[in-house]
Amino acid sequence: MTTQTRRPVASMSTWVVGASLVMATATAAAYGVIPGLSKVLNVPRAEAGEAPAAQAQAEQVQAEQAGDAQRQNLAAKEAELEARETRLKEQEETMAALSMALQAQEGQANAVKRAAQVYAAMPPFRAGPMMEALDTDLAVEILRQLDHDQAAAILAYMESEQASALTAELMRPGNSNK
């Protein structure tokens, strides 16, 4: 009987580790990661500027992702700017409308002041009957511009029902004569 000696069999993991080590060493030598290694192993060195395809592709994907992020950020900023511009235009329109309304009110207030000056210059026996013909709100506004004595003298020359209605309007809260 022959005796055979058994040789130890390397496990699969040992083989994989060894193969990986050889590949890593060859790659390092080819790309000059370890200076002088390519001469020892006799592996041709890769040309300068030649990057592994995977690294180049990864860099390209990373650059595209960065560009996408910048485009999204820019689009968000543009949308925010457009929203602000819209709000600003709406506020400008509102201010313009309020300004026109204020000018109209000021114009009406000036007209009422001028009418009050005219009624104040008239004798009360003439101003009373003329004020009866006016709209109640306008008559009240004119009477508010007059001092108490002038308003009383004009009301005295009006018909009692009209004078009472105007007096009641003048007495409402918020209404006051000078």
N, C-alpha and C. Protein backbone atom coordinates (compact mmCIF):
# COMPACT_ATOMS: atom_id res chain seq x y z
N MET A 1 0.78 -1.15 0.00
CA MET A 1 0.00 0.00 0.00
C MET A 1 0.84 1.25 0.00
N THR A 2 0.44 2.07 -0.84
CA THR A 2 1.20 3.30 -0.93
C THR A 2 0.54 4.35 -0.04
N THR A 3 1.37 4.96 0.53
CA THR A 3 0.85 6.01 1.41
C THR A 3 0.91 7.34 0.65
N GLN A 4 -0.13 7.83 0.64
CA GLN A 4 -0.18 9.14 0.00
C GLN A 4 -0.20 10.20 1.09
N THR A 5 0.54 11.15 0.84
CA THR A 5 0.52 12.26 1.80
C THR A 5 -0.49 13.29 1.32
N ARG A 6 -1.16 13.71 2.19
CA ARG A 6 -2.18 14.72 1.84
C ARG A 6 -1.59 16.12 1.93
N ARG A 7 -1.85 16.80 0.93
CA ARG A 7 -1.40 18.19 0.96
C ARG A 7 -2.54 19.06 1.49
N PRO A 8 -2.21 20.07 2.23
CA PRO A 8 -3.30 20.95 2.71
C PRO A 8 -3.92 21.68 1.52
N VAL A 9 -5.20 21.70 1.50
CA VAL A 9 -5.93 22.38 0.42
C VAL A 9 -6.31 23.77 0.93
N ALA A 10 -5.98 24.71 0.12
CA ALA A 10 -6.30 26.08 0.51
C ALA A 10 -7.80 26.29 0.41
N SER A 11 -8.30 26.99 1.35
CA SER A 11 -9.74 27.25 1.32
C SER A 11 -10.03 28.29 0.24
N MET A 12 -11.26 28.37 -0.13
CA MET A 12 -11.69 29.29 -1.18
C MET A 12 -11.45 30.73 -0.76
N SER A 13 -11.66 31.05 0.50
CA SER A 13 -11.47 32.43 0.95
C SER A 13 -10.01 32.83 0.88
N THR A 14 -9.13 31.91 1.13
CA THR A 14 -7.71 32.21 1.04
C THR A 14 -7.35 32.50 -0.41
N TRP A 15 -7.89 31.73 -1.32
CA TRP A 15 -7.63 31.94 -2.73
C TRP A 15 -8.15 33.32 -3.19
N VAL A 16 -9.37 33.70 -2.75
CA VAL A 16 -9.98 34.98 -3.15
C VAL A 16 -9.14 36.13 -2.61
N VAL A 17 -8.70 36.00 -1.37
CA VAL A 17 -7.89 37.06 -0.78
C VAL A 17 -6.58 37.19 -1.55
N GLY A 18 -6.00 36.09 -1.88
CA GLY A 18 -4.74 36.12 -2.62
C GLY A 18 -4.91 36.74 -3.99
N ALA A 19 -5.95 36.36 -4.69
CA ALA A 19 -6.20 36.91 -6.03
C ALA A 19 -6.48 38.41 -5.94
N SER A 20 -7.21 38.82 -4.96
CA SER A 20 -7.52 40.24 -4.78
C SER A 20 -6.25 41.02 -4.51
N LEU A 21 -5.37 40.45 -3.73
CA LEU A 21 -4.11 41.10 -3.41
C LEU A 21 -3.26 41.28 -4.66
N VAL A 22 -3.22 40.26 -5.50
CA VAL A 22 -2.46 40.33 -6.73
C VAL A 22 -3.03 41.41 -7.64
N MET A 23 -4.36 41.46 -7.76
CA MET A 23 -4.99 42.46 -8.64
C MET A 23 -4.76 43.87 -8.10
N ALA A 24 -4.86 44.04 -6.79
CA ALA A 24 -4.66 45.36 -6.19
C ALA A 24 -3.22 45.80 -6.40
N THR A 25 -2.29 44.91 -6.26
CA THR A 25 -0.88 45.26 -6.44
C THR A 25 -0.61 45.64 -7.88
N ALA A 26 -1.16 44.89 -8.82
CA ALA A 26 -0.96 45.18 -10.24
C ALA A 26 -1.58 46.53 -10.60
N THR A 27 -2.77 46.82 -10.06
CA THR A 27 -3.44 48.09 -10.33
C THR A 27 -2.62 49.24 -9.75
N ALA A 28 -2.13 49.05 -8.52
CA ALA A 28 -1.32 50.09 -7.89
C ALA A 28 -0.06 50.34 -8.69
N ALA A 29 0.54 49.29 -9.22
CA ALA A 29 1.76 49.43 -10.01
C ALA A 29 1.45 50.14 -11.32
N ALA A 30 0.32 49.79 -11.95
CA ALA A 30 -0.03 50.37 -13.24
C ALA A 30 -0.32 51.86 -13.14
N TYR A 31 -0.89 52.30 -12.06
CA TYR A 31 -1.27 53.71 -11.93
C TYR A 31 -0.28 54.49 -11.08
N GLY A 32 0.81 53.89 -10.70
CA GLY A 32 1.86 54.61 -10.01
C GLY A 32 1.52 55.01 -8.60
N VAL A 33 0.62 54.28 -7.95
CA VAL A 33 0.25 54.61 -6.58
C VAL A 33 1.44 54.39 -5.66
N ILE A 34 2.17 53.32 -5.88
CA ILE A 34 3.38 53.04 -5.10
C ILE A 34 4.56 53.22 -6.05
N PRO A 35 5.37 54.26 -5.84
CA PRO A 35 6.46 54.55 -6.77
C PRO A 35 7.43 53.37 -6.89
N GLY A 36 7.80 53.02 -8.09
CA GLY A 36 8.78 51.98 -8.36
C GLY A 36 8.21 50.57 -8.39
N LEU A 37 6.97 50.39 -8.00
CA LEU A 37 6.37 49.05 -7.94
C LEU A 37 6.21 48.46 -9.34
N SER A 38 5.94 49.28 -10.33
CA SER A 38 5.74 48.76 -11.68
C SER A 38 7.03 48.16 -12.22
N LYS A 39 8.20 48.67 -11.83
CA LYS A 39 9.48 48.12 -12.28
C LYS A 39 9.74 46.77 -11.64
N VAL A 40 9.42 46.64 -10.37
CA VAL A 40 9.66 45.39 -9.66
C VAL A 40 8.77 44.28 -10.20
N LEU A 41 7.50 44.63 -10.41
CA LEU A 41 6.55 43.62 -10.88
C LEU A 41 6.56 43.47 -12.40
N ASN A 42 7.22 44.39 -13.09
CA ASN A 42 7.28 44.37 -14.53
C ASN A 42 5.87 44.53 -15.15
N VAL A 43 5.15 45.50 -14.62
CA VAL A 43 3.80 45.80 -15.11
C VAL A 43 3.88 47.13 -15.84
N PRO A 44 3.34 47.22 -17.06
CA PRO A 44 3.40 48.51 -17.76
C PRO A 44 2.55 49.56 -17.02
N ARG A 45 3.10 50.72 -16.94
CA ARG A 45 2.43 51.80 -16.22
C ARG A 45 1.40 52.46 -17.13
N ALA A 46 0.25 52.87 -16.53
CA ALA A 46 -0.81 53.53 -17.30
C ALA A 46 -0.37 54.94 -17.64
N GLU A 47 -0.89 55.46 -18.72
CA GLU A 47 -0.55 56.79 -19.18
C GLU A 47 -1.11 57.82 -18.19
N ALA A 48 -0.41 58.94 -18.08
CA ALA A 48 -0.88 60.01 -17.20
C ALA A 48 -2.19 60.55 -17.74
N GLY A 49 -3.10 60.87 -16.87
CA GLY A 49 -4.41 61.39 -17.27
C GLY A 49 -5.40 60.31 -17.56
N GLU A 50 -4.96 59.07 -17.64
CA GLU A 50 -5.89 57.98 -17.91
C GLU A 50 -6.46 57.53 -16.58
N ALA A 51 -7.72 57.72 -16.39
CA ALA A 51 -8.36 57.34 -15.13
C ALA A 51 -9.17 56.09 -15.36
N PRO A 52 -9.34 55.31 -14.34
CA PRO A 52 -10.17 54.13 -14.51
C PRO A 52 -11.57 54.54 -14.96
N ALA A 53 -12.19 53.74 -15.78
CA ALA A 53 -13.51 54.07 -16.32
C ALA A 53 -14.54 54.26 -15.21
N ALA A 54 -14.46 53.45 -14.19
CA ALA A 54 -15.43 53.55 -13.11
C ALA A 54 -15.29 54.87 -12.38
N GLN A 55 -14.06 55.32 -12.16
CA GLN A 55 -13.85 56.58 -11.46
C GLN A 55 -14.35 57.75 -12.31
N ALA A 56 -14.07 57.70 -13.60
CA ALA A 56 -14.52 58.76 -14.50
C ALA A 56 -16.04 58.82 -14.53
N GLN A 57 -16.66 57.66 -14.58
CA GLN A 57 -18.12 57.60 -14.61
C GLN A 57 -18.69 58.12 -13.29
N ALA A 58 -18.06 57.76 -12.17
CA ALA A 58 -18.53 58.24 -10.87
C ALA A 58 -18.41 59.75 -10.77
N GLU A 59 -17.32 60.29 -11.28
CA GLU A 59 -17.14 61.74 -11.27
C GLU A 59 -18.18 62.43 -12.14
N GLN A 60 -18.50 61.82 -13.28
CA GLN A 60 -19.51 62.40 -14.17
C GLN A 60 -20.87 62.38 -13.51
N VAL A 61 -21.23 61.27 -12.85
CA VAL A 61 -22.52 61.18 -12.17
C VAL A 61 -22.58 62.21 -11.05
N GLN A 62 -21.47 62.35 -10.32
CA GLN A 62 -21.44 63.31 -9.22
C GLN A 62 -21.60 64.74 -9.76
N ALA A 63 -20.95 65.05 -10.85
CA ALA A 63 -21.07 66.37 -11.46
C ALA A 63 -22.50 66.62 -11.94
N GLU A 64 -23.12 65.61 -12.54
CA GLU A 64 -24.51 65.75 -13.00
C GLU A 64 -25.45 65.97 -11.81
N GLN A 65 -25.21 65.25 -10.72
CA GLN A 65 -26.05 65.42 -9.54
C GLN A 65 -25.88 66.82 -8.95
N ALA A 66 -24.66 67.31 -8.92
CA ALA A 66 -24.40 68.66 -8.43
C ALA A 66 -25.10 69.68 -9.32
N GLY A 67 -25.02 69.46 -10.65
CA GLY A 67 -25.71 70.36 -11.58
C GLY A 67 -27.22 70.32 -11.40
N ASP A 68 -27.76 69.12 -11.19
CA ASP A 68 -29.21 69.00 -10.96
C ASP A 68 -29.60 69.73 -9.69
N ALA A 69 -28.81 69.59 -8.64
CA ALA A 69 -29.11 70.27 -7.38
C ALA A 69 -29.07 71.78 -7.56
N GLN A 70 -28.09 72.27 -8.32
CA GLN A 70 -28.01 73.70 -8.58
C GLN A 70 -29.19 74.19 -9.41
N ARG A 71 -29.60 73.40 -10.41
CA ARG A 71 -30.76 73.80 -11.23
C ARG A 71 -32.03 73.83 -10.38
N GLN A 72 -32.19 72.84 -9.50
CA GLN A 72 -33.37 72.82 -8.62
C GLN A 72 -33.35 74.01 -7.67
N ASN A 73 -32.20 74.33 -7.13
CA ASN A 73 -32.08 75.47 -6.23
C ASN A 73 -32.39 76.76 -6.97
N LEU A 74 -31.87 76.88 -8.19
CA LEU A 74 -32.13 78.06 -9.01
C LEU A 74 -33.62 78.18 -9.33
N ALA A 75 -34.25 77.07 -9.68
CA ALA A 75 -35.69 77.10 -9.99
C ALA A 75 -36.50 77.51 -8.77
N ALA A 76 -36.10 77.03 -7.59
CA ALA A 76 -36.81 77.40 -6.36
C ALA A 76 -36.64 78.89 -6.08
N LYS A 77 -35.44 79.41 -6.28
CA LYS A 77 -35.18 80.85 -6.06
C LYS A 77 -35.97 81.68 -7.06
N GLU A 78 -36.05 81.24 -8.31
CA GLU A 78 -36.82 81.97 -9.33
C GLU A 78 -38.30 81.98 -8.98
N ALA A 79 -38.82 80.86 -8.51
CA ALA A 79 -40.23 80.79 -8.12
C ALA A 79 -40.50 81.72 -6.94
N GLU A 80 -39.59 81.75 -5.99
CA GLU A 80 -39.74 82.63 -4.82
C GLU A 80 -39.70 84.09 -5.26
N LEU A 81 -38.80 84.41 -6.18
CA LEU A 81 -38.70 85.77 -6.69
C LEU A 81 -39.97 86.19 -7.43
N GLU A 82 -40.50 85.29 -8.25
CA GLU A 82 -41.74 85.59 -8.97
C GLU A 82 -42.90 85.81 -8.00
N ALA A 83 -42.97 85.00 -6.94
CA ALA A 83 -44.02 85.17 -5.94
C ALA A 83 -43.89 86.52 -5.25
N ARG A 84 -42.66 86.92 -4.93
CA ARG A 84 -42.45 88.22 -4.29
C ARG A 84 -42.83 89.36 -5.23
N GLU A 85 -42.46 89.22 -6.51
CA GLU A 85 -42.82 90.25 -7.48
C GLU A 85 -44.34 90.39 -7.61
N THR A 86 -45.03 89.25 -7.60
CA THR A 86 -46.50 89.27 -7.69
C THR A 86 -47.09 89.98 -6.48
N ARG A 87 -46.59 89.63 -5.28
CA ARG A 87 -47.09 90.28 -4.06
C ARG A 87 -46.81 91.78 -4.09
N LEU A 88 -45.62 92.15 -4.57
CA LEU A 88 -45.26 93.56 -4.65
C LEU A 88 -46.19 94.31 -5.60
N LYS A 89 -46.48 93.71 -6.76
CA LYS A 89 -47.39 94.35 -7.71
C LYS A 89 -48.78 94.50 -7.11
N GLU A 90 -49.25 93.47 -6.40
CA GLU A 90 -50.56 93.55 -5.76
C GLU A 90 -50.59 94.66 -4.72
N GLN A 91 -49.52 94.79 -3.94
CA GLN A 91 -49.45 95.84 -2.93
C GLN A 91 -49.40 97.21 -3.58
N GLU A 92 -48.67 97.33 -4.69
CA GLU A 92 -48.62 98.61 -5.40
C GLU A 92 -50.00 99.00 -5.93
N GLU A 93 -50.72 98.02 -6.47
CA GLU A 93 -52.08 98.29 -6.97
C GLU A 93 -53.00 98.70 -5.84
N THR A 94 -52.89 98.02 -4.70
CA THR A 94 -53.71 98.35 -3.54
C THR A 94 -53.40 99.77 -3.06
N MET A 95 -52.10 100.10 -3.00
CA MET A 95 -51.72 101.44 -2.57
C MET A 95 -52.22 102.51 -3.54
N ALA A 96 -52.16 102.22 -4.83
CA ALA A 96 -52.65 103.18 -5.82
C ALA A 96 -54.16 103.40 -5.66
N ALA A 97 -54.89 102.31 -5.44
CA ALA A 97 -56.34 102.43 -5.24
C ALA A 97 -56.66 103.20 -3.97
N LEU A 98 -55.92 102.92 -2.90
CA LEU A 98 -56.14 103.64 -1.64
C LEU A 98 -55.79 105.12 -1.78
N SER A 99 -54.73 105.39 -2.53
CA SER A 99 -54.34 106.77 -2.76
C SER A 99 -55.42 107.54 -3.52
N MET A 100 -55.97 106.88 -4.54
CA MET A 100 -57.05 107.54 -5.30
C MET A 100 -58.28 107.75 -4.43
N ALA A 101 -58.61 106.77 -3.59
CA ALA A 101 -59.76 106.92 -2.70
C ALA A 101 -59.53 108.04 -1.70
N LEU A 102 -58.31 108.14 -1.18
CA LEU A 102 -57.98 109.19 -0.23
C LEU A 102 -58.08 110.56 -0.89
N GLN A 103 -57.58 110.66 -2.13
CA GLN A 103 -57.67 111.92 -2.86
C GLN A 103 -59.12 112.31 -3.09
N ALA A 104 -59.95 111.32 -3.40
CA ALA A 104 -61.38 111.61 -3.60
C ALA A 104 -62.02 112.09 -2.31
N GLN A 105 -61.66 111.43 -1.19
CA GLN A 105 -62.21 111.86 0.10
C GLN A 105 -61.73 113.26 0.47
N GLU A 106 -60.46 113.53 0.21
CA GLU A 106 -59.92 114.85 0.49
C GLU A 106 -60.61 115.90 -0.37
N GLY A 107 -60.85 115.54 -1.63
CA GLY A 107 -61.55 116.47 -2.52
C GLY A 107 -62.97 116.74 -2.03
N GLN A 108 -63.65 115.68 -1.57
CA GLN A 108 -65.00 115.86 -1.05
C GLN A 108 -64.97 116.65 0.25
N ALA A 109 -63.99 116.38 1.11
CA ALA A 109 -63.88 117.14 2.36
C ALA A 109 -63.62 118.61 2.08
N ASN A 110 -62.79 118.90 1.08
CA ASN A 110 -62.54 120.29 0.70
C ASN A 110 -63.80 120.95 0.15
N ALA A 111 -64.57 120.20 -0.62
CA ALA A 111 -65.83 120.74 -1.15
C ALA A 111 -66.81 121.05 -0.02
N VAL A 112 -66.87 120.15 0.96
CA VAL A 112 -67.76 120.38 2.11
C VAL A 112 -67.30 121.60 2.90
N LYS A 113 -65.99 121.76 3.07
CA LYS A 113 -65.47 122.93 3.79
C LYS A 113 -65.83 124.22 3.06
N ARG A 114 -65.68 124.19 1.72
CA ARG A 114 -66.03 125.39 0.95
C ARG A 114 -67.53 125.70 1.06
N ALA A 115 -68.36 124.65 1.00
CA ALA A 115 -69.81 124.86 1.14
C ALA A 115 -70.13 125.40 2.53
N ALA A 116 -69.46 124.88 3.56
CA ALA A 116 -69.69 125.37 4.92
C ALA A 116 -69.31 126.84 5.03
N GLN A 117 -68.21 127.24 4.35
CA GLN A 117 -67.80 128.65 4.38
C GLN A 117 -68.86 129.53 3.71
N VAL A 118 -69.44 129.00 2.63
CA VAL A 118 -70.49 129.75 1.92
C VAL A 118 -71.72 129.90 2.82
N TYR A 119 -72.15 128.79 3.46
CA TYR A 119 -73.33 128.85 4.35
C TYR A 119 -73.04 129.71 5.57
N ALA A 120 -71.82 129.72 6.06
CA ALA A 120 -71.47 130.56 7.22
C ALA A 120 -71.53 132.04 6.85
N ALA A 121 -71.21 132.37 5.61
CA ALA A 121 -71.23 133.77 5.17
C ALA A 121 -72.65 134.27 4.89
N MET A 122 -73.60 133.36 4.68
CA MET A 122 -74.99 133.74 4.37
C MET A 122 -75.75 134.11 5.66
N PRO A 123 -76.73 134.92 5.48
CA PRO A 123 -77.61 135.16 6.63
C PRO A 123 -78.41 133.87 6.92
N PRO A 124 -78.62 133.52 8.19
CA PRO A 124 -79.29 132.27 8.53
C PRO A 124 -80.68 132.10 7.90
N PHE A 125 -81.44 133.21 7.73
CA PHE A 125 -82.79 133.08 7.14
C PHE A 125 -82.73 132.64 5.69
N ARG A 126 -81.58 132.82 4.99
CA ARG A 126 -81.42 132.33 3.63
C ARG A 126 -80.79 130.92 3.62
N ALA A 127 -79.85 130.67 4.51
CA ALA A 127 -79.13 129.39 4.55
C ALA A 127 -80.05 128.25 4.99
N GLY A 128 -81.00 128.53 5.92
CA GLY A 128 -81.90 127.49 6.43
C GLY A 128 -82.71 126.82 5.33
N PRO A 129 -83.49 127.59 4.56
CA PRO A 129 -84.28 126.97 3.49
C PRO A 129 -83.43 126.28 2.42
N MET A 130 -82.27 126.83 2.14
CA MET A 130 -81.40 126.20 1.13
C MET A 130 -80.87 124.86 1.64
N MET A 131 -80.55 124.80 2.95
CA MET A 131 -80.02 123.55 3.50
C MET A 131 -81.11 122.48 3.54
N GLU A 132 -82.35 122.85 3.64
CA GLU A 132 -83.45 121.87 3.63
C GLU A 132 -83.48 121.09 2.31
N ALA A 133 -83.05 121.72 1.23
CA ALA A 133 -83.09 121.08 -0.09
C ALA A 133 -81.93 120.10 -0.28
N LEU A 134 -80.93 120.13 0.60
CA LEU A 134 -79.76 119.25 0.46
C LEU A 134 -80.05 117.84 0.97
N ASP A 135 -79.25 116.90 0.51
CA ASP A 135 -79.27 115.55 1.03
C ASP A 135 -78.92 115.60 2.52
N THR A 136 -79.54 114.74 3.32
CA THR A 136 -79.36 114.77 4.77
C THR A 136 -77.90 114.60 5.16
N ASP A 137 -77.19 113.64 4.55
CA ASP A 137 -75.78 113.42 4.89
C ASP A 137 -74.92 114.64 4.58
N LEU A 138 -75.16 115.25 3.44
CA LEU A 138 -74.39 116.44 3.07
C LEU A 138 -74.70 117.59 4.01
N ALA A 139 -75.96 117.78 4.34
CA ALA A 139 -76.34 118.85 5.26
C ALA A 139 -75.68 118.64 6.63
N VAL A 140 -75.64 117.41 7.09
CA VAL A 140 -74.99 117.11 8.37
C VAL A 140 -73.50 117.43 8.30
N GLU A 141 -72.85 117.05 7.21
CA GLU A 141 -71.42 117.33 7.06
C GLU A 141 -71.15 118.83 7.05
N ILE A 142 -71.99 119.59 6.40
CA ILE A 142 -71.82 121.04 6.36
C ILE A 142 -72.03 121.62 7.76
N LEU A 143 -73.08 121.18 8.45
CA LEU A 143 -73.34 121.68 9.81
C LEU A 143 -72.19 121.33 10.76
N ARG A 144 -71.54 120.23 10.58
CA ARG A 144 -70.38 119.85 11.41
C ARG A 144 -69.22 120.83 11.25
N GLN A 145 -69.10 121.41 10.06
CA GLN A 145 -68.02 122.34 9.80
C GLN A 145 -68.27 123.73 10.42
N LEU A 146 -69.50 123.98 10.76
CA LEU A 146 -69.86 125.29 11.33
C LEU A 146 -69.71 125.25 12.85
N ASP A 147 -69.51 126.45 13.46
CA ASP A 147 -69.49 126.45 14.92
C ASP A 147 -70.93 126.33 15.43
N HIS A 148 -71.10 126.10 16.72
CA HIS A 148 -72.42 125.81 17.30
C HIS A 148 -73.42 126.93 17.05
N ASP A 149 -73.00 128.16 17.22
CA ASP A 149 -73.92 129.29 17.05
C ASP A 149 -74.41 129.40 15.60
N GLN A 150 -73.52 129.22 14.64
CA GLN A 150 -73.92 129.29 13.23
C GLN A 150 -74.88 128.15 12.89
N ALA A 151 -74.57 126.92 13.33
CA ALA A 151 -75.44 125.78 13.05
C ALA A 151 -76.81 125.98 13.68
N ALA A 152 -76.85 126.49 14.91
CA ALA A 152 -78.14 126.73 15.60
C ALA A 152 -78.96 127.77 14.86
N ALA A 153 -78.33 128.83 14.40
CA ALA A 153 -79.06 129.89 13.70
C ALA A 153 -79.65 129.35 12.39
N ILE A 154 -78.92 128.52 11.67
CA ILE A 154 -79.43 127.97 10.41
C ILE A 154 -80.56 126.99 10.69
N LEU A 155 -80.41 126.13 11.70
CA LEU A 155 -81.46 125.16 12.05
C LEU A 155 -82.75 125.88 12.47
N ALA A 156 -82.60 127.06 13.05
CA ALA A 156 -83.78 127.83 13.49
C ALA A 156 -84.63 128.28 12.31
N TYR A 157 -84.04 128.44 11.16
CA TYR A 157 -84.78 128.88 9.98
C TYR A 157 -85.20 127.71 9.08
N MET A 158 -85.11 126.49 9.58
CA MET A 158 -85.55 125.32 8.82
C MET A 158 -86.87 124.84 9.39
N GLU A 159 -87.60 124.06 8.60
CA GLU A 159 -88.84 123.46 9.11
C GLU A 159 -88.47 122.53 10.26
N SER A 160 -89.35 122.41 11.22
CA SER A 160 -89.04 121.72 12.46
C SER A 160 -88.71 120.23 12.23
N GLU A 161 -89.42 119.55 11.35
CA GLU A 161 -89.15 118.13 11.09
C GLU A 161 -87.74 117.93 10.52
N GLN A 162 -87.37 118.74 9.55
CA GLN A 162 -86.04 118.66 8.93
C GLN A 162 -84.96 119.03 9.94
N ALA A 163 -85.18 120.07 10.73
CA ALA A 163 -84.20 120.49 11.74
C ALA A 163 -84.02 119.39 12.79
N SER A 164 -85.12 118.72 13.19
CA SER A 164 -85.03 117.63 14.17
C SER A 164 -84.25 116.45 13.61
N ALA A 165 -84.46 116.10 12.35
CA ALA A 165 -83.75 114.98 11.74
C ALA A 165 -82.25 115.28 11.66
N LEU A 166 -81.91 116.50 11.26
CA LEU A 166 -80.50 116.86 11.17
C LEU A 166 -79.86 116.91 12.56
N THR A 167 -80.59 117.41 13.55
CA THR A 167 -80.07 117.44 14.91
C THR A 167 -79.83 116.04 15.44
N ALA A 168 -80.74 115.12 15.14
CA ALA A 168 -80.57 113.73 15.58
C ALA A 168 -79.32 113.11 14.93
N GLU A 169 -79.07 113.40 13.67
CA GLU A 169 -77.87 112.89 13.00
C GLU A 169 -76.61 113.49 13.61
N LEU A 170 -76.68 114.78 13.94
CA LEU A 170 -75.52 115.42 14.55
C LEU A 170 -75.21 114.85 15.94
N MET A 171 -76.22 114.35 16.62
CA MET A 171 -76.07 113.84 18.00
C MET A 171 -75.55 112.40 18.05
N ARG A 172 -75.55 111.72 16.97
CA ARG A 172 -75.07 110.33 16.97
C ARG A 172 -73.62 110.28 17.43
N PRO A 173 -73.23 109.17 18.10
CA PRO A 173 -71.83 109.05 18.56
C PRO A 173 -70.86 109.19 17.39
N GLY A 174 -69.79 109.92 17.64
CA GLY A 174 -68.79 110.11 16.61
C GLY A 174 -69.03 111.36 15.80
N ASN A 175 -70.22 111.95 15.88
CA ASN A 175 -70.53 113.19 15.18
C ASN A 175 -70.38 114.32 16.18
N SER A 176 -69.61 115.32 15.82
CA SER A 176 -69.47 116.46 16.72
C SER A 176 -69.26 117.72 15.92
N ASN A 177 -69.78 118.80 16.43
CA ASN A 177 -69.55 120.13 15.82
C ASN A 177 -68.30 120.71 16.43
N LYS A 178 -67.80 121.74 15.80
CA LYS A 178 -66.62 122.43 16.33
C LYS A 178 -66.96 123.08 17.65
